[in-house]
Amino acid sequence: MGKSDATGATPGERTRVIACGMIAREILALKDRLQLDALDLACLPADFHHHPERIAPAMEQAIIAAKAEGFTRIFAGYADCGTGGALDAVLARHGVARIEGPHCFSFYVGNAAFAARTDAHMTHFFCTDFLARHFDTFLIAPLGLDRHPELRDMYFGHYTHLVYLAQTVDPVLEEKARAAAKRLGLAYVYEHTGYGDLAGALQHAVQSGQA
């Protein structure tokens, strides 16, 4: 029998959620809000957002490791996230489900609502709580814009708006997002989405025990 956690539950009685590090805070908030005590979180590096080709291989290794620990209920805390179907191929091989949608921006808005206005999003650069909080370290520095600000238009010239999809109501993060829009030369739009489809996906995965 696998090692039990602080509640006395063994791995076989919990659901291992293997998630993108970009949504770890949100998953933990929902775990607390929805009282999903059987949710066991493991995260892959947030910077895979910049390297989607790394997601599927890392997910496969994480699933194998979770099964070795005794987890029989596993859920992927990812949308497709730029993997072009590679993540789905891995998940199908292991019988693991994931959050519906092409990316986190979609499931935060709500996949149906996001799909209904896709054309309007073509010139929108999306920001979340995570991106607002880590704008300089996660976006500016990796793109080299701290050293070469002249590259800004090359990366963001086809965008017109920065749309802050806020998971929480936080004036500090809103000011950070507004400053990010100004730095990128984009108009600023605020939209409070909350957690969107993420909440229902996690609740279903944990309460049904369905991988």
C-alpha atoms as a PDB file:
ATOM      1  CA  MET A   1       0.000   0.000   0.000  1.00  0.00           C
ATOM      2  CA  GLY A   2       1.285   3.476  -0.837  1.00  0.00           C
ATOM      3  CA  LYS A   3       2.232   6.022   1.789  1.00  0.00           C
ATOM      4  CA  SER A   4      -0.720   7.979   3.186  1.00  0.00           C
ATOM      5  CA  ASP A   5      -0.869  11.763   3.350  1.00  0.00           C
ATOM      6  CA  ALA A   6      -1.718  14.011   6.299  1.00  0.00           C
ATOM      7  CA  THR A   7      -5.406  13.088   5.994  1.00  0.00           C
ATOM      8  CA  GLY A   8      -4.622   9.386   6.104  1.00  0.00           C
ATOM      9  CA  ALA A   9      -5.486   8.856   2.444  1.00  0.00           C
ATOM     10  CA  THR A  10      -3.258   6.622   0.343  1.00  0.00           C
ATOM     11  CA  PRO A  11      -2.240   7.501  -3.242  1.00  0.00           C
ATOM     12  CA  GLY A  12      -4.899   5.127  -4.536  1.00  0.00           C
ATOM     13  CA  GLU A  13      -7.545   7.187  -2.762  1.00  0.00           C
ATOM     14  CA  ARG A  14      -6.320  10.554  -4.095  1.00  0.00           C
ATOM     15  CA  THR A  15      -6.184  12.184  -7.519  1.00  0.00           C
ATOM     16  CA  ARG A  16      -2.770  13.288  -8.726  1.00  0.00           C
ATOM     17  CA  VAL A  17      -3.131  16.445 -10.804  1.00  0.00           C
ATOM     18  CA  ILE A  18      -0.042  17.015 -12.949  1.00  0.00           C
ATOM     19  CA  ALA A  19      -0.254  20.659 -13.882  1.00  0.00           C
ATOM     20  CA  CYS A  20       1.512  23.547 -15.520  1.00  0.00           C
ATOM     21  CA  GLY A  21       3.351  25.584 -12.911  1.00  0.00           C
ATOM     22  CA  MET A  22       1.614  28.675 -14.285  1.00  0.00           C
ATOM     23  CA  ILE A  23      -1.670  27.561 -12.733  1.00  0.00           C
ATOM     24  CA  ALA A  24      -0.390  26.018  -9.489  1.00  0.00           C
ATOM     25  CA  ARG A  25      -1.600  28.890  -7.300  1.00  0.00           C
ATOM     26  CA  GLU A  26      -5.033  28.740  -8.907  1.00  0.00           C
ATOM     27  CA  ILE A  27      -5.339  24.978  -8.437  1.00  0.00           C
ATOM     28  CA  LEU A  28      -4.405  25.268  -4.766  1.00  0.00           C
ATOM     29  CA  ALA A  29      -6.931  28.074  -4.320  1.00  0.00           C
ATOM     30  CA  LEU A  30      -9.638  25.909  -5.867  1.00  0.00           C
ATOM     31  CA  LYS A  31      -8.577  22.918  -3.801  1.00  0.00           C
ATOM     32  CA  ASP A  32      -9.225  25.002  -0.701  1.00  0.00           C
ATOM     33  CA  ARG A  33     -12.396  26.709  -1.984  1.00  0.00           C
ATOM     34  CA  LEU A  34     -14.021  23.517  -3.252  1.00  0.00           C
ATOM     35  CA  GLN A  35     -12.685  21.374  -0.391  1.00  0.00           C
ATOM     36  CA  LEU A  36     -10.965  18.980  -2.765  1.00  0.00           C
ATOM     37  CA  ASP A  37      -8.954  17.290  -0.047  1.00  0.00           C
ATOM     38  CA  ALA A  38      -8.195  14.303  -2.291  1.00  0.00           C
ATOM     39  CA  LEU A  39      -6.382  16.501  -4.827  1.00  0.00           C
ATOM     40  CA  ASP A  40      -2.632  15.891  -4.877  1.00  0.00           C
ATOM     41  CA  LEU A  41      -0.764  18.482  -6.956  1.00  0.00           C
ATOM     42  CA  ALA A  42       2.473  17.998  -8.885  1.00  0.00           C
ATOM     43  CA  CYS A  43       3.697  20.643 -11.323  1.00  0.00           C
ATOM     44  CA  LEU A  44       5.831  20.764 -14.427  1.00  0.00           C
ATOM     45  CA  PRO A  45       7.974  23.896 -14.897  1.00  0.00           C
ATOM     46  CA  ALA A  46       6.071  27.054 -15.760  1.00  0.00           C
ATOM     47  CA  ASP A  47       8.658  27.987 -18.378  1.00  0.00           C
ATOM     48  CA  PHE A  48       7.463  25.098 -20.544  1.00  0.00           C
ATOM     49  CA  HIS A  49       5.019  27.781 -21.694  1.00  0.00           C
ATOM     50  CA  HIS A  50       7.956  28.997 -23.811  1.00  0.00           C
ATOM     51  CA  HIS A  51       8.918  25.450 -24.851  1.00  0.00           C
ATOM     52  CA  PRO A  52       5.701  23.511 -25.564  1.00  0.00           C
ATOM     53  CA  GLU A  53       7.683  20.702 -27.187  1.00  0.00           C
ATOM     54  CA  ARG A  54       8.847  19.761 -23.684  1.00  0.00           C
ATOM     55  CA  ILE A  55       5.387  19.335 -22.226  1.00  0.00           C
ATOM     56  CA  ALA A  56       4.378  15.955 -23.642  1.00  0.00           C
ATOM     57  CA  PRO A  57       7.632  14.090 -22.808  1.00  0.00           C
ATOM     58  CA  ALA A  58       7.688  15.567 -19.306  1.00  0.00           C
ATOM     59  CA  MET A  59       4.043  14.699 -18.772  1.00  0.00           C
ATOM     60  CA  GLU A  60       4.689  11.098 -19.757  1.00  0.00           C
ATOM     61  CA  GLN A  61       7.496  10.825 -17.227  1.00  0.00           C
ATOM     62  CA  ALA A  62       5.330  12.441 -14.555  1.00  0.00           C
ATOM     63  CA  ILE A  63       2.484  10.009 -15.225  1.00  0.00           C
ATOM     64  CA  ILE A  64       4.842   7.048 -15.017  1.00  0.00           C
ATOM     65  CA  ALA A  65       6.242   8.391 -11.739  1.00  0.00           C
ATOM     66  CA  ALA A  66       2.737   8.942 -10.327  1.00  0.00           C
ATOM     67  CA  LYS A  67       1.735   5.380 -11.151  1.00  0.00           C
ATOM     68  CA  ALA A  68       4.910   4.119  -9.509  1.00  0.00           C
ATOM     69  CA  GLU A  69       3.883   6.022  -6.364  1.00  0.00           C
ATOM     70  CA  GLY A  70       0.559   4.188  -6.378  1.00  0.00           C
ATOM     71  CA  PHE A  71      -1.723   6.782  -7.949  1.00  0.00           C
ATOM     72  CA  THR A  72      -4.471   5.263 -10.068  1.00  0.00           C
ATOM     73  CA  ARG A  73      -6.397   8.531 -10.486  1.00  0.00           C
ATOM     74  CA  ILE A  74      -4.418  11.013 -12.569  1.00  0.00           C
ATOM     75  CA  PHE A  75      -5.548  14.202 -14.284  1.00  0.00           C
ATOM     76  CA  ALA A  76      -3.556  16.585 -16.477  1.00  0.00           C
ATOM     77  CA  GLY A  77      -3.752  20.221 -15.443  1.00  0.00           C
ATOM     78  CA  TYR A  78      -3.109  21.405 -18.989  1.00  0.00           C
ATOM     79  CA  ALA A  79      -5.008  22.418 -22.070  1.00  0.00           C
ATOM     80  CA  ASP A  80      -3.272  21.583 -25.375  1.00  0.00           C
ATOM     81  CA  CYS A  81      -0.945  24.524 -24.655  1.00  0.00           C
ATOM     82  CA  GLY A  82       0.768  24.625 -28.030  1.00  0.00           C
ATOM     83  CA  THR A  83       1.708  20.941 -28.174  1.00  0.00           C
ATOM     84  CA  GLY A  84      -0.189  20.413 -31.429  1.00  0.00           C
ATOM     85  CA  GLY A  85      -1.817  17.218 -30.189  1.00  0.00           C
ATOM     86  CA  ALA A  86       1.387  15.679 -28.791  1.00  0.00           C
ATOM     87  CA  LEU A  87       0.081  16.006 -25.229  1.00  0.00           C
ATOM     88  CA  ASP A  88      -3.197  14.319 -26.153  1.00  0.00           C
ATOM     89  CA  ALA A  89      -1.287  11.417 -27.691  1.00  0.00           C
ATOM     90  CA  VAL A  90       0.581  10.853 -24.431  1.00  0.00           C
ATOM     91  CA  LEU A  91      -2.569  11.155 -22.337  1.00  0.00           C
ATOM     92  CA  ALA A  92      -4.478   8.736 -24.562  1.00  0.00           C
ATOM     93  CA  ARG A  93      -1.668   6.219 -24.193  1.00  0.00           C
ATOM     94  CA  HIS A  94      -2.008   6.348 -20.410  1.00  0.00           C
ATOM     95  CA  GLY A  95      -5.771   6.802 -20.148  1.00  0.00           C
ATOM     96  CA  VAL A  96      -5.498  10.261 -18.591  1.00  0.00           C
ATOM     97  CA  ALA A  97      -7.841  13.191 -19.263  1.00  0.00           C
ATOM     98  CA  ARG A  98      -6.974  16.889 -19.309  1.00  0.00           C
ATOM     99  CA  ILE A  99      -8.701  20.239 -19.074  1.00  0.00           C
ATOM    100  CA  GLU A 100     -10.679  20.976 -22.222  1.00  0.00           C
ATOM    101  CA  GLY A 101      -9.459  23.763 -24.471  1.00  0.00           C
ATOM    102  CA  PRO A 102      -6.509  25.010 -26.502  1.00  0.00           C
ATOM    103  CA  HIS A 103      -4.823  27.000 -23.704  1.00  0.00           C
ATOM    104  CA  CYS A 104      -5.362  28.447 -20.238  1.00  0.00           C
ATOM    105  CA  PHE A 105      -6.693  31.752 -21.595  1.00  0.00           C
ATOM    106  CA  SER A 106      -9.555  29.833 -23.165  1.00  0.00           C
ATOM    107  CA  PHE A 107     -10.514  27.811 -20.112  1.00  0.00           C
ATOM    108  CA  TYR A 108     -10.263  30.852 -17.846  1.00  0.00           C
ATOM    109  CA  VAL A 109     -12.713  32.758 -20.039  1.00  0.00           C
ATOM    110  CA  GLY A 110     -14.739  29.571 -20.531  1.00  0.00           C
ATOM    111  CA  ASN A 111     -14.047  27.507 -23.623  1.00  0.00           C
ATOM    112  CA  ALA A 112     -17.454  28.042 -25.186  1.00  0.00           C
ATOM    113  CA  ALA A 113     -17.348  31.806 -24.637  1.00  0.00           C
ATOM    114  CA  PHE A 114     -13.767  32.052 -25.879  1.00  0.00           C
ATOM    115  CA  ALA A 115     -14.527  30.076 -29.039  1.00  0.00           C
ATOM    116  CA  ALA A 116     -17.484  32.312 -29.783  1.00  0.00           C
ATOM    117  CA  ARG A 117     -15.272  35.379 -30.076  1.00  0.00           C
ATOM    118  CA  THR A 118     -12.052  33.966 -31.493  1.00  0.00           C
ATOM    119  CA  ASP A 119     -11.866  36.518 -34.311  1.00  0.00           C
ATOM    120  CA  ALA A 120     -11.872  39.361 -31.815  1.00  0.00           C
ATOM    121  CA  HIS A 121      -8.912  37.795 -30.014  1.00  0.00           C
ATOM    122  CA  MET A 122      -6.550  37.723 -32.980  1.00  0.00           C
ATOM    123  CA  THR A 123      -4.907  41.016 -31.977  1.00  0.00           C
ATOM    124  CA  HIS A 124      -5.176  40.510 -28.219  1.00  0.00           C
ATOM    125  CA  PHE A 125      -2.241  39.599 -26.013  1.00  0.00           C
ATOM    126  CA  PHE A 126      -3.572  37.822 -22.949  1.00  0.00           C
ATOM    127  CA  CYS A 127      -2.327  38.295 -19.427  1.00  0.00           C
ATOM    128  CA  THR A 128      -3.329  36.235 -16.380  1.00  0.00           C
ATOM    129  CA  ASP A 129      -2.657  36.682 -12.668  1.00  0.00           C
ATOM    130  CA  PHE A 130       0.510  34.626 -13.097  1.00  0.00           C
ATOM    131  CA  LEU A 131       1.767  36.711 -16.009  1.00  0.00           C
ATOM    132  CA  ALA A 132       0.933  39.973 -14.268  1.00  0.00           C
ATOM    133  CA  ARG A 133       2.779  38.806 -11.162  1.00  0.00           C
ATOM    134  CA  HIS A 134       5.857  37.573 -13.078  1.00  0.00           C
ATOM    135  CA  PHE A 135       5.819  39.845 -16.125  1.00  0.00           C
ATOM    136  CA  ASP A 136       9.466  40.901 -15.994  1.00  0.00           C
ATOM    137  CA  THR A 137      11.000  37.539 -15.102  1.00  0.00           C
ATOM    138  CA  PHE A 138       8.700  35.364 -17.210  1.00  0.00           C
ATOM    139  CA  LEU A 139       8.215  37.478 -20.313  1.00  0.00           C
ATOM    140  CA  ILE A 140      10.490  40.483 -20.590  1.00  0.00           C
ATOM    141  CA  ALA A 141      13.772  38.791 -19.627  1.00  0.00           C
ATOM    142  CA  PRO A 142      13.304  35.565 -21.672  1.00  0.00           C
ATOM    143  CA  LEU A 143      12.478  37.617 -24.767  1.00  0.00           C
ATOM    144  CA  GLY A 144      15.509  39.826 -24.188  1.00  0.00           C
ATOM    145  CA  LEU A 145      13.401  42.979 -24.045  1.00  0.00           C
ATOM    146  CA  ASP A 146      15.217  44.152 -20.916  1.00  0.00           C
ATOM    147  CA  ARG A 147      18.424  44.270 -22.962  1.00  0.00           C
ATOM    148  CA  HIS A 148      16.963  45.075 -26.381  1.00  0.00           C
ATOM    149  CA  PRO A 149      13.749  47.095 -25.985  1.00  0.00           C
ATOM    150  CA  GLU A 150      13.861  47.842 -29.708  1.00  0.00           C
ATOM    151  CA  LEU A 151      12.636  44.274 -30.273  1.00  0.00           C
ATOM    152  CA  ARG A 152       9.274  45.118 -28.730  1.00  0.00           C
ATOM    153  CA  ASP A 153       7.536  45.848 -32.024  1.00  0.00           C
ATOM    154  CA  MET A 154       8.920  42.693 -33.606  1.00  0.00           C
ATOM    155  CA  TYR A 155       7.287  40.583 -30.903  1.00  0.00           C
ATOM    156  CA  PHE A 156       4.160  42.616 -30.214  1.00  0.00           C
ATOM    157  CA  GLY A 157       3.641  44.859 -33.240  1.00  0.00           C
ATOM    158  CA  HIS A 158       0.657  42.852 -34.506  1.00  0.00           C
ATOM    159  CA  TYR A 159      -1.187  43.154 -31.173  1.00  0.00           C
ATOM    160  CA  THR A 160      -3.468  46.063 -30.343  1.00  0.00           C
ATOM    161  CA  HIS A 161      -4.582  45.249 -26.788  1.00  0.00           C
ATOM    162  CA  LEU A 162      -3.306  43.589 -23.646  1.00  0.00           C
ATOM    163  CA  VAL A 163      -6.313  41.847 -22.131  1.00  0.00           C
ATOM    164  CA  TYR A 164      -5.887  41.069 -18.453  1.00  0.00           C
ATOM    165  CA  LEU A 165      -7.955  37.973 -17.674  1.00  0.00           C
ATOM    166  CA  ALA A 166      -7.992  38.262 -13.902  1.00  0.00           C
ATOM    167  CA  GLN A 167      -8.531  35.197 -11.740  1.00  0.00           C
ATOM    168  CA  THR A 168      -8.732  37.279  -8.569  1.00  0.00           C
ATOM    169  CA  VAL A 169      -9.705  40.832  -7.694  1.00  0.00           C
ATOM    170  CA  ASP A 170      -6.318  42.283  -6.793  1.00  0.00           C
ATOM    171  CA  PRO A 171      -5.580  46.003  -7.301  1.00  0.00           C
ATOM    172  CA  VAL A 172      -1.831  45.369  -7.108  1.00  0.00           C
ATOM    173  CA  LEU A 173      -1.937  42.821  -9.926  1.00  0.00           C
ATOM    174  CA  GLU A 174      -4.259  45.047 -11.939  1.00  0.00           C
ATOM    175  CA  GLU A 175      -1.740  47.880 -11.706  1.00  0.00           C
ATOM    176  CA  LYS A 176       1.032  45.505 -12.774  1.00  0.00           C
ATOM    177  CA  ALA A 177      -1.021  44.396 -15.780  1.00  0.00           C
ATOM    178  CA  ARG A 178      -1.767  48.009 -16.690  1.00  0.00           C
ATOM    179  CA  ALA A 179       1.963  48.807 -16.498  1.00  0.00           C
ATOM    180  CA  ALA A 180       2.715  45.776 -18.671  1.00  0.00           C
ATOM    181  CA  ALA A 181       0.320  47.030 -21.338  1.00  0.00           C
ATOM    182  CA  LYS A 182       1.986  50.427 -21.296  1.00  0.00           C
ATOM    183  CA  ARG A 183       5.427  48.855 -21.586  1.00  0.00           C
ATOM    184  CA  LEU A 184       4.324  46.859 -24.623  1.00  0.00           C
ATOM    185  CA  GLY A 185       2.617  49.855 -26.202  1.00  0.00           C
ATOM    186  CA  LEU A 186      -0.810  48.198 -26.111  1.00  0.00           C
ATOM    187  CA  ALA A 187      -4.253  49.389 -25.067  1.00  0.00           C
ATOM    188  CA  TYR A 188      -5.332  47.924 -21.736  1.00  0.00           C
ATOM    189  CA  VAL A 189      -8.477  45.863 -21.160  1.00  0.00           C
ATOM    190  CA  TYR A 190      -9.513  44.335 -17.847  1.00  0.00           C
ATOM    191  CA  GLU A 191     -11.767  41.289 -17.624  1.00  0.00           C
ATOM    192  CA  HIS A 192     -12.432  39.407 -14.415  1.00  0.00           C
ATOM    193  CA  THR A 193     -12.892  35.770 -15.408  1.00  0.00           C
ATOM    194  CA  GLY A 194     -12.344  34.021 -12.109  1.00  0.00           C
ATOM    195  CA  TYR A 195     -11.216  30.429 -12.639  1.00  0.00           C
ATOM    196  CA  GLY A 196     -13.537  29.664 -15.538  1.00  0.00           C
ATOM    197  CA  ASP A 197     -13.733  26.037 -16.607  1.00  0.00           C
ATOM    198  CA  LEU A 198     -10.779  25.074 -14.408  1.00  0.00           C
ATOM    199  CA  ALA A 199     -12.995  24.820 -11.335  1.00  0.00           C
ATOM    200  CA  GLY A 200     -15.443  22.338 -12.837  1.00  0.00           C
ATOM    201  CA  ALA A 201     -12.682  20.286 -14.451  1.00  0.00           C
ATOM    202  CA  LEU A 202     -10.858  19.813 -11.159  1.00  0.00           C
ATOM    203  CA  GLN A 203     -14.021  19.134  -9.232  1.00  0.00           C
ATOM    204  CA  HIS A 204     -15.079  16.472 -11.723  1.00  0.00           C
ATOM    205  CA  ALA A 205     -11.638  14.849 -11.811  1.00  0.00           C
ATOM    206  CA  VAL A 206     -11.364  14.595  -8.052  1.00  0.00           C
ATOM    207  CA  GLN A 207     -14.923  13.840  -7.043  1.00  0.00           C
ATOM    208  CA  SER A 208     -15.555  11.290  -9.775  1.00  0.00           C
ATOM    209  CA  GLY A 209     -12.094   9.761  -9.520  1.00  0.00           C
ATOM    210  CA  GLN A 210     -12.120   9.700 -13.309  1.00  0.00           C
ATOM    211  CA  ALA A 211      -8.704   9.956 -14.958  1.00  0.00           C
END
